[in-house]
Each structure stands twice: as structure tokens, then as C-alpha cells.
PDB file of N, CA and C in Angstrom:
ATOM      1  N   UNK A   1      70.955 113.626  57.553  1.00  0.00           N
ATOM      2  CA  UNK A   1      71.828 114.249  57.947  1.00  0.00           C
ATOM      3  C   UNK A   1      72.755 114.305  59.176  1.00  0.00           C
ATOM      4  N   UNK A   2      71.694 115.303  59.798  1.00  0.00           N
ATOM      5  CA  UNK A   2      72.008 115.027  61.524  1.00  0.00           C
ATOM      6  C   UNK A   2      72.734 113.559  62.508  1.00  0.00           C
ATOM      7  N   UNK A   3      71.961 112.559  61.379  1.00  0.00           N
ATOM      8  CA  UNK A   3      72.495 111.325  62.598  1.00  0.00           C
ATOM      9  C   UNK A   3      74.026 110.856  61.644  1.00  0.00           C
ATOM     10  N   UNK A   4      73.906 110.801  60.539  1.00  0.00           N
ATOM     11  CA  UNK A   4      75.303 110.982  60.111  1.00  0.00           C
ATOM     12  C   UNK A   4      76.439 111.752  60.605  1.00  0.00           C
ATOM     13  N   UNK A   5      76.145 113.158  61.014  1.00  0.00           N
ATOM     14  CA  UNK A   5      77.488 114.173  61.967  1.00  0.00           C
ATOM     15  C   UNK A   5      77.157 113.992  63.285  1.00  0.00           C
ATOM     16  N   UNK A   6      75.927 113.016  64.253  1.00  0.00           N
ATOM     17  CA  UNK A   6      76.682 112.253  65.366  1.00  0.00           C
ATOM     18  C   UNK A   6      77.211 111.213  65.256  1.00  0.00           C
ATOM     19  N   UNK A   7      76.751 110.211  64.010  1.00  0.00           N
ATOM     20  CA  UNK A   7      77.767 109.159  64.367  1.00  0.00           C
ATOM     21  C   UNK A   7      78.949 109.606  63.760  1.00  0.00           C
ATOM     22  N   UNK A   8      79.285 110.513  62.980  1.00  0.00           N
ATOM     23  CA  UNK A   8      80.802 110.496  62.638  1.00  0.00           C
ATOM     24  C   UNK A   8      81.319 112.045  63.945  1.00  0.00           C
ATOM     25  N   UNK A   9      81.122 112.276  64.747  1.00  0.00           N
ATOM     26  CA  UNK A   9      81.182 113.134  65.901  1.00  0.00           C
ATOM     27  C   UNK A   9      81.522 112.039  67.118  1.00  0.00           C
ATOM     28  N   UNK A  10      80.669 111.048  67.036  1.00  0.00           N
ATOM     29  CA  UNK A  10      80.610 109.577  68.057  1.00  0.00           C
ATOM     30  C   UNK A  10      82.706 108.883  67.899  1.00  0.00           C
ATOM     31  N   UNK A  11      82.386 108.670  66.177  1.00  0.00           N
ATOM     32  CA  UNK A  11      83.556 107.667  65.674  1.00  0.00           C
ATOM     33  C   UNK A  11      84.732 108.467  65.937  1.00  0.00           C
ATOM     34  N   UNK A  12      84.759 109.920  66.054  1.00  0.00           N
ATOM     35  CA  UNK A  12      86.293 110.452  66.377  1.00  0.00           C
ATOM     36  C   UNK A  12      86.453 110.797  67.561  1.00  0.00           C
ATOM     37  N   UNK A  13      85.255 111.063  68.576  1.00  0.00           N
ATOM     38  CA  UNK A  13      85.275 110.950  70.224  1.00  0.00           C
ATOM     39  C   UNK A  13      85.545 109.302  70.363  1.00  0.00           C
ATOM     40  N   UNK A  14      85.319 108.226  70.120  1.00  0.00           N
ATOM     41  CA  UNK A  14      85.693 107.047  70.527  1.00  0.00           C
ATOM     42  C   UNK A  14      87.534 106.886  70.001  1.00  0.00           C
ATOM     43  N   UNK A  15      88.066 107.242  68.591  1.00  0.00           N
ATOM     44  CA  UNK A  15      88.863 107.035  68.233  1.00  0.00           C
ATOM     45  C   UNK A  15      90.020 107.747  69.188  1.00  0.00           C
ATOM     46  N   UNK A  16      89.805 108.914  69.650  1.00  0.00           N
ATOM     47  CA  UNK A  16      90.617 109.270  70.295  1.00  0.00           C
ATOM     48  C   UNK A  16      90.948 109.530  71.618  1.00  0.00           C
ATOM     49  N   UNK A  17      89.313 108.662  71.845  1.00  0.00           N
ATOM     50  CA  UNK A  17      89.656 108.013  73.622  1.00  0.00           C
ATOM     51  C   UNK A  17      90.464 106.619  73.626  1.00  0.00           C
ATOM     52  N   UNK A  18      90.457 106.184  72.669  1.00  0.00           N
ATOM     53  CA  UNK A  18      91.217 104.829  72.788  1.00  0.00           C
ATOM     54  C   UNK A  18      93.269 105.514  72.367  1.00  0.00           C
ATOM     55  N   UNK A  19      92.927 106.442  71.188  1.00  0.00           N
ATOM     56  CA  UNK A  19      94.810 106.334  71.702  1.00  0.00           C
ATOM     57  C   UNK A  19      94.844 107.109  72.851  1.00  0.00           C
ATOM     58  N   UNK A  20      94.012 108.344  73.785  1.00  0.00           N
ATOM     59  CA  UNK A  20      94.605 108.715  74.653  1.00  0.00           C
ATOM     60  C   UNK A  20      94.659 107.779  75.911  1.00  0.00           C
ATOM     61  N   UNK A  21      93.626 107.000  76.095  1.00  0.00           N
ATOM     62  CA  UNK A  21      93.985 105.939  76.872  1.00  0.00           C
ATOM     63  C   UNK A  21      95.659 104.768  76.224  1.00  0.00           C
ATOM     64  N   UNK A  22      95.720 104.632  75.340  1.00  0.00           N
ATOM     65  CA  UNK A  22      96.920 104.306  74.800  1.00  0.00           C
ATOM     66  C   UNK A  22      98.038 104.807  74.943  1.00  0.00           C
ATOM     67  N   UNK A  23      98.316 105.728  74.655  1.00  0.00           N
ATOM     68  CA  UNK A  23      99.223 107.310  75.417  1.00  0.00           C
ATOM     69  C   UNK A  23      99.469 107.515  76.775  1.00  0.00           C
ATOM     70  N   UNK A  24      98.326 107.384  77.886  1.00  0.00           N
ATOM     71  CA  UNK A  24      98.397 107.664  78.772  1.00  0.00           C
ATOM     72  C   UNK A  24      99.145 106.937  79.867  1.00  0.00           C
ATOM     73  N   UNK A  25      99.735 106.318  79.620  1.00  0.00           N
ATOM     74  CA  UNK A  25     100.885 105.256  80.279  1.00  0.00           C
ATOM     75  C   UNK A  25     101.688 105.399  80.172  1.00  0.00           C
ATOM     76  N   UNK A  26     102.459 106.681  81.508  1.00  0.00           N
ATOM     77  CA  UNK A  26     103.873 106.786  81.422  1.00  0.00           C
ATOM     78  C   UNK A  26     104.984 105.674  81.467  1.00  0.00           C
ATOM     79  N   UNK A  27     105.996 105.106  80.449  1.00  0.00           N
ATOM     80  CA  UNK A  27     106.654 104.018  80.406  1.00  0.00           C
ATOM     81  C   UNK A  27     107.632 103.968  81.234  1.00  0.00           C
ATOM     82  N   UNK A  28     108.202 105.079  81.408  1.00  0.00           N
ATOM     83  CA  UNK A  28     109.817 105.578  82.192  1.00  0.00           C
ATOM     84  C   UNK A  28     109.603 105.107  83.543  1.00  0.00           C
ATOM     85  N   UNK A  29     108.378 105.330  84.495  1.00  0.00           N
ATOM     86  CA  UNK A  29     108.469 105.266  86.347  1.00  0.00           C
ATOM     87  C   UNK A  29     108.494 103.629  85.706  1.00  0.00           C
ATOM     88  N   UNK A  30     107.599 102.849  85.185  1.00  0.00           N
ATOM     89  CA  UNK A  30     107.377 101.495  85.246  1.00  0.00           C
ATOM     90  C   UNK A  30     108.588 100.754  84.596  1.00  0.00           C
ATOM     91  N   UNK A  31     109.275 100.930  83.745  1.00  0.00           N
ATOM     92  CA  UNK A  31     110.500 100.508  83.450  1.00  0.00           C
ATOM     93  C   UNK A  31     111.487 100.628  84.702  1.00  0.00           C
ATOM     94  N   UNK A  32     111.733 101.852  84.762  1.00  0.00           N
ATOM     95  CA  UNK A  32     112.645 101.788  86.454  1.00  0.00           C
ATOM     96  C   UNK A  32     112.357 101.240  87.586  1.00  0.00           C
ATOM     97  N   UNK A  33     111.039 100.943  87.884  1.00  0.00           N
ATOM     98  CA  UNK A  33     110.360  99.562  88.988  1.00  0.00           C
ATOM     99  C   UNK A  33     110.537  98.381  88.416  1.00  0.00           C
ATOM    100  N   UNK A  34     110.330  97.686  87.357  1.00  0.00           N
ATOM    101  CA  UNK A  34     110.723  96.882  86.765  1.00  0.00           C
ATOM    102  C   UNK A  34     112.309  96.386  86.439  1.00  0.00           C
ATOM    103  N   UNK A  35     112.518  96.980  86.510  1.00  0.00           N
ATOM    104  CA  UNK A  35     114.298  96.871  85.876  1.00  0.00           C
ATOM    105  C   UNK A  35     114.811  96.815  87.178  1.00  0.00           C
ATOM    106  N   UNK A  36     114.414  97.519  88.411  1.00  0.00           N
ATOM    107  CA  UNK A  36     115.206  97.023  89.658  1.00  0.00           C
ATOM    108  C   UNK A  36     114.717  95.425  89.640  1.00  0.00           C
ATOM    109  N   UNK A  37     114.055  94.466  89.200  1.00  0.00           N
ATOM    110  CA  UNK A  37     113.842  93.548  89.472  1.00  0.00           C
ATOM    111  C   UNK A  37     114.690  92.614  88.434  1.00  0.00           C
ATOM    112  N   UNK A  38     115.233  92.803  87.395  1.00  0.00           N
ATOM    113  CA  UNK A  38     115.345  92.124  87.013  1.00  0.00           C
ATOM    114  C   UNK A  38     117.270  92.045  86.308  1.00  0.00           C
ATOM    115  N   UNK A  39     118.131  91.202  85.743  1.00  0.00           N
ATOM    116  CA  UNK A  39     119.227  90.938  85.693  1.00  0.00           C
ATOM    117  C   UNK A  39     119.787  91.700  84.808  1.00  0.00           C
ATOM    118  N   UNK A  40     119.316  92.342  83.539  1.00  0.00           N
ATOM    119  CA  UNK A  40     119.399  92.875  82.410  1.00  0.00           C
ATOM    120  C   UNK A  40     118.212  93.422  82.383  1.00  0.00           C
ATOM    121  N   UNK A  41     118.438  95.045  82.997  1.00  0.00           N
ATOM    122  CA  UNK A  41     116.846  95.434  82.723  1.00  0.00           C
ATOM    123  C   UNK A  41     116.540  96.461  81.595  1.00  0.00           C
ATOM    124  N   UNK A  42     117.685  96.296  80.376  1.00  0.00           N
ATOM    125  CA  UNK A  42     117.967  97.244  79.637  1.00  0.00           C
ATOM    126  C   UNK A  42     117.072  96.604  78.326  1.00  0.00           C
ATOM    127  N   UNK A  43     117.015  94.985  79.019  1.00  0.00           N
ATOM    128  CA  UNK A  43     116.666  94.025  77.444  1.00  0.00           C
ATOM    129  C   UNK A  43     114.852  94.108  77.965  1.00  0.00           C
ATOM    130  N   UNK A  44     114.297  94.795  79.053  1.00  0.00           N
ATOM    131  CA  UNK A  44     113.210  94.719  79.116  1.00  0.00           C
ATOM    132  C   UNK A  44     112.628  95.221  77.529  1.00  0.00           C
ATOM    133  N   UNK A  45     111.542  94.197  77.590  1.00  0.00           N
ATOM    134  CA  UNK A  45     110.220  94.565  76.492  1.00  0.00           C
ATOM    135  C   UNK A  45     108.575  94.533  76.920  1.00  0.00           C
ATOM    136  N   UNK A  46     108.049  95.808  77.433  1.00  0.00           N
ATOM    137  CA  UNK A  46     106.623  95.559  77.945  1.00  0.00           C
ATOM    138  C   UNK A  46     105.890  95.888  77.126  1.00  0.00           C
ATOM    139  N   UNK A  47     105.062  94.948  77.096  1.00  0.00           N
ATOM    140  CA  UNK A  47     103.261  94.929  76.499  1.00  0.00           C
ATOM    141  C   UNK A  47     102.172  94.466  76.760  1.00  0.00           C
ATOM    142  N   UNK A  48     100.872  94.595  76.128  1.00  0.00           N
ATOM    143  CA  UNK A  48     100.059  94.140  76.710  1.00  0.00           C
ATOM    144  C   UNK A  48      99.300  95.213  78.264  1.00  0.00           C
ATOM    145  N   UNK A  49     100.165  96.464  77.938  1.00  0.00           N
ATOM    146  CA  UNK A  49      99.726  97.089  79.563  1.00  0.00           C
ATOM    147  C   UNK A  49      98.160  98.024  79.190  1.00  0.00           C
ATOM    148  N   UNK A  50      97.572  97.491  80.761  1.00  0.00           N
ATOM    149  CA  UNK A  50      96.544  98.464  80.794  1.00  0.00           C
ATOM    150  C   UNK A  50      96.246  99.022  82.302  1.00  0.00           C
ATOM    151  N   UNK A  51      96.207 100.402  81.933  1.00  0.00           N
ATOM    152  CA  UNK A  51      95.676 100.786  83.298  1.00  0.00           C
ATOM    153  C   UNK A  51      94.526 100.486  84.323  1.00  0.00           C
ATOM    154  N   UNK A  52      94.250 100.104  85.168  1.00  0.00           N
ATOM    155  CA  UNK A  52      92.778  99.730  86.585  1.00  0.00           C
ATOM    156  C   UNK A  52      93.026 100.008  87.919  1.00  0.00           C
ATOM    157  N   UNK A  53      92.105 100.724  88.127  1.00  0.00           N
ATOM    158  CA  UNK A  53      91.925 100.941  89.258  1.00  0.00           C
ATOM    159  C   UNK A  53      90.612  99.334  90.460  1.00  0.00           C
ATOM    160  N   UNK A  54      91.057  99.409  91.503  1.00  0.00           N
ATOM    161  CA  UNK A  54      90.729  98.086  92.082  1.00  0.00           C
ATOM    162  C   UNK A  54      90.555  98.250  93.269  1.00  0.00           C
ATOM    163  N   UNK A  55      89.998  97.646  94.196  1.00  0.00           N
ATOM    164  CA  UNK A  55      90.693  98.552  95.910  1.00  0.00           C
ATOM    165  C   UNK A  55      91.610  97.261  96.065  1.00  0.00           C
ATOM    166  N   UNK A  56      92.544  97.828  96.980  1.00  0.00           N
ATOM    167  CA  UNK A  56      93.422  96.809  97.708  1.00  0.00           C
ATOM    168  C   UNK A  56      92.591  96.152  99.028  1.00  0.00           C
ATOM    169  N   UNK A  57      93.420  95.495  99.579  1.00  0.00           N
ATOM    170  CA  UNK A  57      93.074  94.472 100.965  1.00  0.00           C
ATOM    171  C   UNK A  57      92.700  95.659 102.074  1.00  0.00           C
ATOM    172  N   UNK A  58      92.480  96.931 101.966  1.00  0.00           N
ATOM    173  CA  UNK A  58      91.892  97.789 102.494  1.00  0.00           C
ATOM    174  C   UNK A  58      90.573  98.444 102.435  1.00  0.00           C
ATOM    175  N   UNK A  59      90.392  97.486 100.865  1.00  0.00           N
ATOM    176  CA  UNK A  59      89.098  98.830 100.304  1.00  0.00           C
ATOM    177  C   UNK A  59      89.317  99.494  99.704  1.00  0.00           C
ATOM    178  N   UNK A  60      90.732 100.316  99.841  1.00  0.00           N
ATOM    179  CA  UNK A  60      90.740 102.000  98.944  1.00  0.00           C
ATOM    180  C   UNK A  60      91.196 101.728  97.575  1.00  0.00           C
ATOM    181  N   UNK A  61      90.277 102.023  96.854  1.00  0.00           N
ATOM    182  CA  UNK A  61      90.254 102.480  95.262  1.00  0.00           C
ATOM    183  C   UNK A  61      92.305 102.543  95.090  1.00  0.00           C
ATOM    184  N   UNK A  62      92.642 101.350  94.116  1.00  0.00           N
ATOM    185  CA  UNK A  62      94.097 101.403  93.817  1.00  0.00           C
ATOM    186  C   UNK A  62      94.344 101.639  92.195  1.00  0.00           C
ATOM    187  N   UNK A  63      94.971 103.189  91.911  1.00  0.00           N
ATOM    188  CA  UNK A  63      95.330 102.634  90.166  1.00  0.00           C
ATOM    189  C   UNK A  63      96.792 101.615  90.467  1.00  0.00           C
ATOM    190  N   UNK A  64      96.624 100.716  89.269  1.00  0.00           N
ATOM    191  CA  UNK A  64      98.098 100.191  88.932  1.00  0.00           C
ATOM    192  C   UNK A  64      97.742  99.990  86.915  1.00  0.00           C
ATOM    193  N   UNK A  65      99.031  99.130  87.182  1.00  0.00           N
ATOM    194  CA  UNK A  65      99.355  98.858  85.416  1.00  0.00           C
ATOM    195  C   UNK A  65      99.399  97.578  85.670  1.00  0.00           C
ATOM    196  N   UNK A  66      98.530  97.246  84.844  1.00  0.00           N
ATOM    197  CA  UNK A  66      99.101  95.679  84.434  1.00  0.00           C
ATOM    198  C   UNK A  66      99.335  95.388  82.901  1.00  0.00           C
ATOM    199  N   UNK A  67     100.618  94.174  83.051  1.00  0.00           N
ATOM    200  CA  UNK A  67     100.973  94.183  81.913  1.00  0.00           C
ATOM    201  C   UNK A  67     101.847  92.880  81.587  1.00  0.00           C
ATOM    202  N   UNK A  68     102.578  92.635  80.655  1.00  0.00           N
ATOM    203  CA  UNK A  68     103.566  91.845  80.254  1.00  0.00           C
ATOM    204  C   UNK A  68     104.969  92.222  80.026  1.00  0.00           C
ATOM    205  N   UNK A  69     105.985  91.397  80.942  1.00  0.00           N
ATOM    206  CA  UNK A  69     107.500  91.556  80.662  1.00  0.00           C
ATOM    207  C   UNK A  69     108.519  90.655  79.801  1.00  0.00           C
ATOM    208  N   UNK A  70     109.251  91.066  78.747  1.00  0.00           N
ATOM    209  CA  UNK A  70     109.695  89.981  78.506  1.00  0.00           C
ATOM    210  C   UNK A  70     111.271  90.361  78.526  1.00  0.00           C
ATOM    211  N   UNK A  71     112.115  89.759  79.321  1.00  0.00           N
ATOM    212  CA  UNK A  71     113.389  90.410  79.347  1.00  0.00           C
ATOM    213  C   UNK A  71     114.574  89.051  79.465  1.00  0.00           C
ATOM    214  N   UNK A  72     115.453  89.355  79.421  1.00  0.00           N
ATOM    215  CA  UNK A  72     116.687  88.466  79.274  1.00  0.00           C
ATOM    216  C   UNK A  72     117.062  87.503  80.658  1.00  0.00           C
ATOM    217  N   UNK A  73     117.348  86.394  80.339  1.00  0.00           N
ATOM    218  CA  UNK A  73     118.143  85.891  82.020  1.00  0.00           C
ATOM    219  C   UNK A  73     119.845  86.068  81.782  1.00  0.00           C
ATOM    220  N   UNK A  74     119.932  85.089  82.717  1.00  0.00           N
ATOM    221  CA  UNK A  74     121.902  85.262  82.893  1.00  0.00           C
ATOM    222  C   UNK A  74     122.612  84.744  81.917  1.00  0.00           C
ATOM    223  N   UNK A  75     121.692  83.774  81.091  1.00  0.00           N
ATOM    224  CA  UNK A  75     122.585  83.059  79.768  1.00  0.00           C
ATOM    225  C   UNK A  75     122.444  84.186  78.598  1.00  0.00           C
ATOM    226  N   UNK A  76     121.667  85.373  78.845  1.00  0.00           N
ATOM    227  CA  UNK A  76     121.176  85.894  77.627  1.00  0.00           C
ATOM    228  C   UNK A  76     120.386  85.742  76.721  1.00  0.00           C
ATOM    229  N   UNK A  77     119.402  84.958  77.193  1.00  0.00           N
ATOM    230  CA  UNK A  77     117.943  84.668  76.263  1.00  0.00           C
ATOM    231  C   UNK A  77     116.945  85.068  76.934  1.00  0.00           C
ATOM    232  N   UNK A  78     115.994  85.455  75.910  1.00  0.00           N
ATOM    233  CA  UNK A  78     114.382  86.428  76.320  1.00  0.00           C
ATOM    234  C   UNK A  78     113.805  85.002  77.098  1.00  0.00           C
ATOM    235  N   UNK A  79     113.400  85.028  78.359  1.00  0.00           N
ATOM    236  CA  UNK A  79     112.597  83.639  79.203  1.00  0.00           C
ATOM    237  C   UNK A  79     111.270  83.870  78.844  1.00  0.00           C
ATOM    238  N   UNK A  80     110.638  84.984  78.034  1.00  0.00           N
ATOM    239  CA  UNK A  80     109.170  84.607  77.993  1.00  0.00           C
ATOM    240  C   UNK A  80     108.762  85.501  78.340  1.00  0.00           C
ATOM    241  N   UNK A  81     107.239  86.393  78.024  1.00  0.00           N
ATOM    242  CA  UNK A  81     106.539  87.055  78.860  1.00  0.00           C
ATOM    243  C   UNK A  81     106.036  86.613  80.102  1.00  0.00           C
ATOM    244  N   UNK A  82     106.195  87.493  81.356  1.00  0.00           N
ATOM    245  CA  UNK A  82     105.630  86.989  82.760  1.00  0.00           C
ATOM    246  C   UNK A  82     104.599  88.469  82.751  1.00  0.00           C
ATOM    247  N   UNK A  83     104.405  87.777  83.576  1.00  0.00           N
ATOM    248  CA  UNK A  83     102.802  89.050  83.982  1.00  0.00           C
ATOM    249  C   UNK A  83     103.399  90.413  85.031  1.00  0.00           C
ATOM    250  N   UNK A  84     103.056  91.633  84.665  1.00  0.00           N
ATOM    251  CA  UNK A  84     103.737  92.395  85.859  1.00  0.00           C
ATOM    252  C   UNK A  84     102.432  93.039  86.465  1.00  0.00           C
ATOM    253  N   UNK A  85     102.560  93.752  87.770  1.00  0.00           N
ATOM    254  CA  UNK A  85     101.918  95.028  88.672  1.00  0.00           C
ATOM    255  C   UNK A  85     102.158  95.952  88.466  1.00  0.00           C
ATOM    256  N   UNK A  86     102.189  97.064  88.637  1.00  0.00           N
ATOM    257  CA  UNK A  86     102.918  98.198  88.565  1.00  0.00           C
ATOM    258  C   UNK A  86     102.338  99.217  89.144  1.00  0.00           C
ATOM    259  N   UNK A  87     102.289  99.801  90.904  1.00  0.00           N
ATOM    260  CA  UNK A  87     101.158 100.440  91.544  1.00  0.00           C
ATOM    261  C   UNK A  87     101.460 101.921  91.277  1.00  0.00           C
ATOM    262  N   UNK A  88     100.861 102.483  90.749  1.00  0.00           N
ATOM    263  CA  UNK A  88     100.834 104.071  90.160  1.00  0.00           C
ATOM    264  C   UNK A  88     101.619 104.624  91.229  1.00  0.00           C
ATOM    265  N   UNK A  89     100.790 104.944  92.393  1.00  0.00           N
ATOM    266  CA  UNK A  89     100.944 106.119  93.471  1.00  0.00           C
ATOM    267  C   UNK A  89     102.423 105.343  94.474  1.00  0.00           C
ATOM    268  N   UNK A  90     102.425 104.012  94.121  1.00  0.00           N
ATOM    269  CA  UNK A  90     103.968 103.816  95.495  1.00  0.00           C
ATOM    270  C   UNK A  90     105.146 103.515  94.319  1.00  0.00           C
ATOM    271  N   UNK A  91     104.236 103.679  92.975  1.00  0.00           N
ATOM    272  CA  UNK A  91     105.980 103.530  91.678  1.00  0.00           C
ATOM    273  C   UNK A  91     106.915 102.247  92.125  1.00  0.00           C
ATOM    274  N   UNK A  92     105.635 101.072  92.957  1.00  0.00           N
ATOM    275  CA  UNK A  92     106.496  99.744  92.417  1.00  0.00           C
ATOM    276  C   UNK A  92     105.653  98.891  92.167  1.00  0.00           C
ATOM    277  N   UNK A  93     106.635  97.980  91.089  1.00  0.00           N
ATOM    278  CA  UNK A  93     106.143  96.545  90.413  1.00  0.00           C
ATOM    279  C   UNK A  93     106.851  95.175  90.908  1.00  0.00           C
ATOM    280  N   UNK A  94     105.553  94.488  90.107  1.00  0.00           N
ATOM    281  CA  UNK A  94     105.850  93.319  90.862  1.00  0.00           C
ATOM    282  C   UNK A  94     105.621  92.176  89.812  1.00  0.00           C
ATOM    283  N   UNK A  95     106.644  91.462  89.561  1.00  0.00           N
ATOM    284  CA  UNK A  95     106.844  90.179  88.436  1.00  0.00           C
ATOM    285  C   UNK A  95     106.389  89.184  88.905  1.00  0.00           C
ATOM    286  N   UNK A  96     105.505  88.568  88.452  1.00  0.00           N
ATOM    287  CA  UNK A  96     104.906  87.329  88.648  1.00  0.00           C
ATOM    288  C   UNK A  96     105.632  86.169  88.077  1.00  0.00           C
ATOM    289  N   UNK A  97     105.424  85.302  89.134  1.00  0.00           N
ATOM    290  CA  UNK A  97     107.013  83.792  88.723  1.00  0.00           C
ATOM    291  C   UNK A  97     105.868  82.695  88.499  1.00  0.00           C
ATOM    292  N   UNK A  98     105.789  82.630  87.157  1.00  0.00           N
ATOM    293  CA  UNK A  98     104.241  81.883  86.348  1.00  0.00           C
ATOM    294  C   UNK A  98     104.698  80.581  87.181  1.00  0.00           C
ATOM    295  N   UNK A  99     105.739  80.194  87.475  1.00  0.00           N
ATOM    296  CA  UNK A  99     105.721  78.417  87.910  1.00  0.00           C
ATOM    297  C   UNK A  99     105.913  78.532  89.619  1.00  0.00           C
ATOM    298  N   UNK A 100     104.993  79.400  90.118  1.00  0.00           N
ATOM    299  CA  UNK A 100     105.334  79.703  91.563  1.00  0.00           C
ATOM    300  C   UNK A 100     104.005  79.043  91.794  1.00  0.00           C
ATOM    301  N   UNK A 101     103.450  78.404  92.753  1.00  0.00           N
ATOM    302  CA  UNK A 101     102.124  77.811  93.225  1.00  0.00           C
ATOM    303  C   UNK A 101     100.820  79.098  93.248  1.00  0.00           C
ATOM    304  N   UNK A 102      99.783  78.481  93.634  1.00  0.00           N
ATOM    305  CA  UNK A 102      98.915  79.600  93.263  1.00  0.00           C
ATOM    306  C   UNK A 102      98.730  80.693  94.533  1.00  0.00           C
ATOM    307  N   UNK A 103      99.511  80.061  95.845  1.00  0.00           N
ATOM    308  CA  UNK A 103      99.625  80.768  97.150  1.00  0.00           C
ATOM    309  C   UNK A 103     100.549  81.768  97.458  1.00  0.00           C
ATOM    310  N   UNK A 104     101.575  81.278  95.865  1.00  0.00           N
ATOM    311  CA  UNK A 104     102.258  82.981  95.564  1.00  0.00           C
ATOM    312  C   UNK A 104     101.992  84.894  95.619  1.00  0.00           C
ATOM    313  N   UNK A 105     102.663  85.364  96.762  1.00  0.00           N
ATOM    314  CA  UNK A 105     101.877  86.697  97.070  1.00  0.00           C
ATOM    315  C   UNK A 105     101.961  87.350  95.633  1.00  0.00           C
ATOM    316  N   UNK A 106     102.619  87.612  94.685  1.00  0.00           N
ATOM    317  CA  UNK A 106     102.935  88.131  93.531  1.00  0.00           C
ATOM    318  C   UNK A 106     101.760  87.916  92.542  1.00  0.00           C
ATOM    319  N   UNK A 107     101.426  86.433  92.732  1.00  0.00           N
ATOM    320  CA  UNK A 107     100.369  85.863  91.749  1.00  0.00           C
ATOM    321  C   UNK A 107      99.489  86.475  92.305  1.00  0.00           C
ATOM    322  N   UNK A 108      98.825  86.680  93.922  1.00  0.00           N
ATOM    323  CA  UNK A 108      97.711  86.863  94.095  1.00  0.00           C
ATOM    324  C   UNK A 108      97.207  88.346  94.824  1.00  0.00           C
ATOM    325  N   UNK A 109      98.544  88.979  94.393  1.00  0.00           N
ATOM    326  CA  UNK A 109      98.297  90.168  94.053  1.00  0.00           C
ATOM    327  C   UNK A 109      97.841  90.819  92.254  1.00  0.00           C
ATOM    328  N   UNK A 110      98.653  89.926  91.862  1.00  0.00           N
ATOM    329  CA  UNK A 110      98.489  90.258  90.080  1.00  0.00           C
ATOM    330  C   UNK A 110      96.946  90.080  89.995  1.00  0.00           C
ATOM    331  N   UNK A 111      96.582  88.691  90.408  1.00  0.00           N
ATOM    332  CA  UNK A 111      94.819  88.316  90.149  1.00  0.00           C
ATOM    333  C   UNK A 111      93.860  88.933  90.852  1.00  0.00           C
ATOM    334  N   UNK A 112      93.956  89.940  92.271  1.00  0.00           N
ATOM    335  CA  UNK A 112      93.099  90.935  92.533  1.00  0.00           C
ATOM    336  C   UNK A 112      93.008  92.326  91.721  1.00  0.00           C
ATOM    337  N   UNK A 113      94.115  92.360  91.040  1.00  0.00           N
ATOM    338  CA  UNK A 113      93.846  93.647  90.037  1.00  0.00           C
ATOM    339  C   UNK A 113      94.061  93.530  88.650  1.00  0.00           C
ATOM    340  N   UNK A 114      94.384  92.616  88.346  1.00  0.00           N
ATOM    341  CA  UNK A 114      94.707  92.352  86.625  1.00  0.00           C
ATOM    342  C   UNK A 114      93.350  91.117  86.656  1.00  0.00           C
ATOM    343  N   UNK A 115      93.281  90.140  87.145  1.00  0.00           N
ATOM    344  CA  UNK A 115      92.581  88.931  86.675  1.00  0.00           C
ATOM    345  C   UNK A 115      93.576  87.986  87.175  1.00  0.00           C
ATOM    346  N   UNK A 116      93.227  87.075  86.115  1.00  0.00           N
ATOM    347  CA  UNK A 116      93.824  85.870  86.186  1.00  0.00           C
ATOM    348  C   UNK A 116      95.099  86.045  85.073  1.00  0.00           C
ATOM    349  N   UNK A 117      95.997  85.228  85.859  1.00  0.00           N
ATOM    350  CA  UNK A 117      97.375  85.323  85.393  1.00  0.00           C
ATOM    351  C   UNK A 117      97.116  84.458  83.990  1.00  0.00           C
ATOM    352  N   UNK A 118      98.091  84.911  83.188  1.00  0.00           N
ATOM    353  CA  UNK A 118      97.813  84.743  81.917  1.00  0.00           C
ATOM    354  C   UNK A 118      99.166  83.092  81.061  1.00  0.00           C
TER     355      UNK A 118
END
């Protein structure tokens, strides 16, 4: 009985932690920062957002949000999901140009904090 109670408590804790982690990302400042870089900021659809902490170029731990953004171009069509990184303390976003080469600065920043580009 005690094992069942412990398992139930652990499952409840894990479920609440997952919900808290998913809900802990405030999209409003992310949308504002990404919107500054888009032709149609109101069309932005954010997905696959994950909060991470990784060292910056100076070795200082930095909190970021990694994710994907899909938005409309000048012709009114969605361009497809593109990786983005949002720096929480600086309230600054970078959208990766997936057609750019491996030496693209935004691509290198994204790879440093978020892993391989999608």
C-alpha cells in the first residue's frame, strides 16, 4: 500500500512539473521580440518552445528559449517553421535563416544554446 501511495505521489508530482514547465514560458515578450524581425508580426505561430540555460561566449550561464516560428512573408504565404532563440534577460530574439551557411552568426548562436538547427 505504501509503495502504491509513493508511486501515485511521484506520478502526480511529475505531471504537475511537466505542466509547470510548459506553462512557465511567457510568450508575450517573445512574440514582441520576434515580431520586430517579421514582415507580418501578427501572423507568427510559435511552437516547440523549450527553456534552456547554457554558457554564453564568456562562460556566463544564460537563460534562453529555443523554438520554432512560422510567419507570413510579403506575399501573404507562410514560409514554414524557422528556428529561433530568445534571450530572456536581454529580451532579444534571433531567427535562424535556414538557407544561410554554417558560418551564419544566428545559426551559430542557436546551435550553441539549443543544439542542431532543424
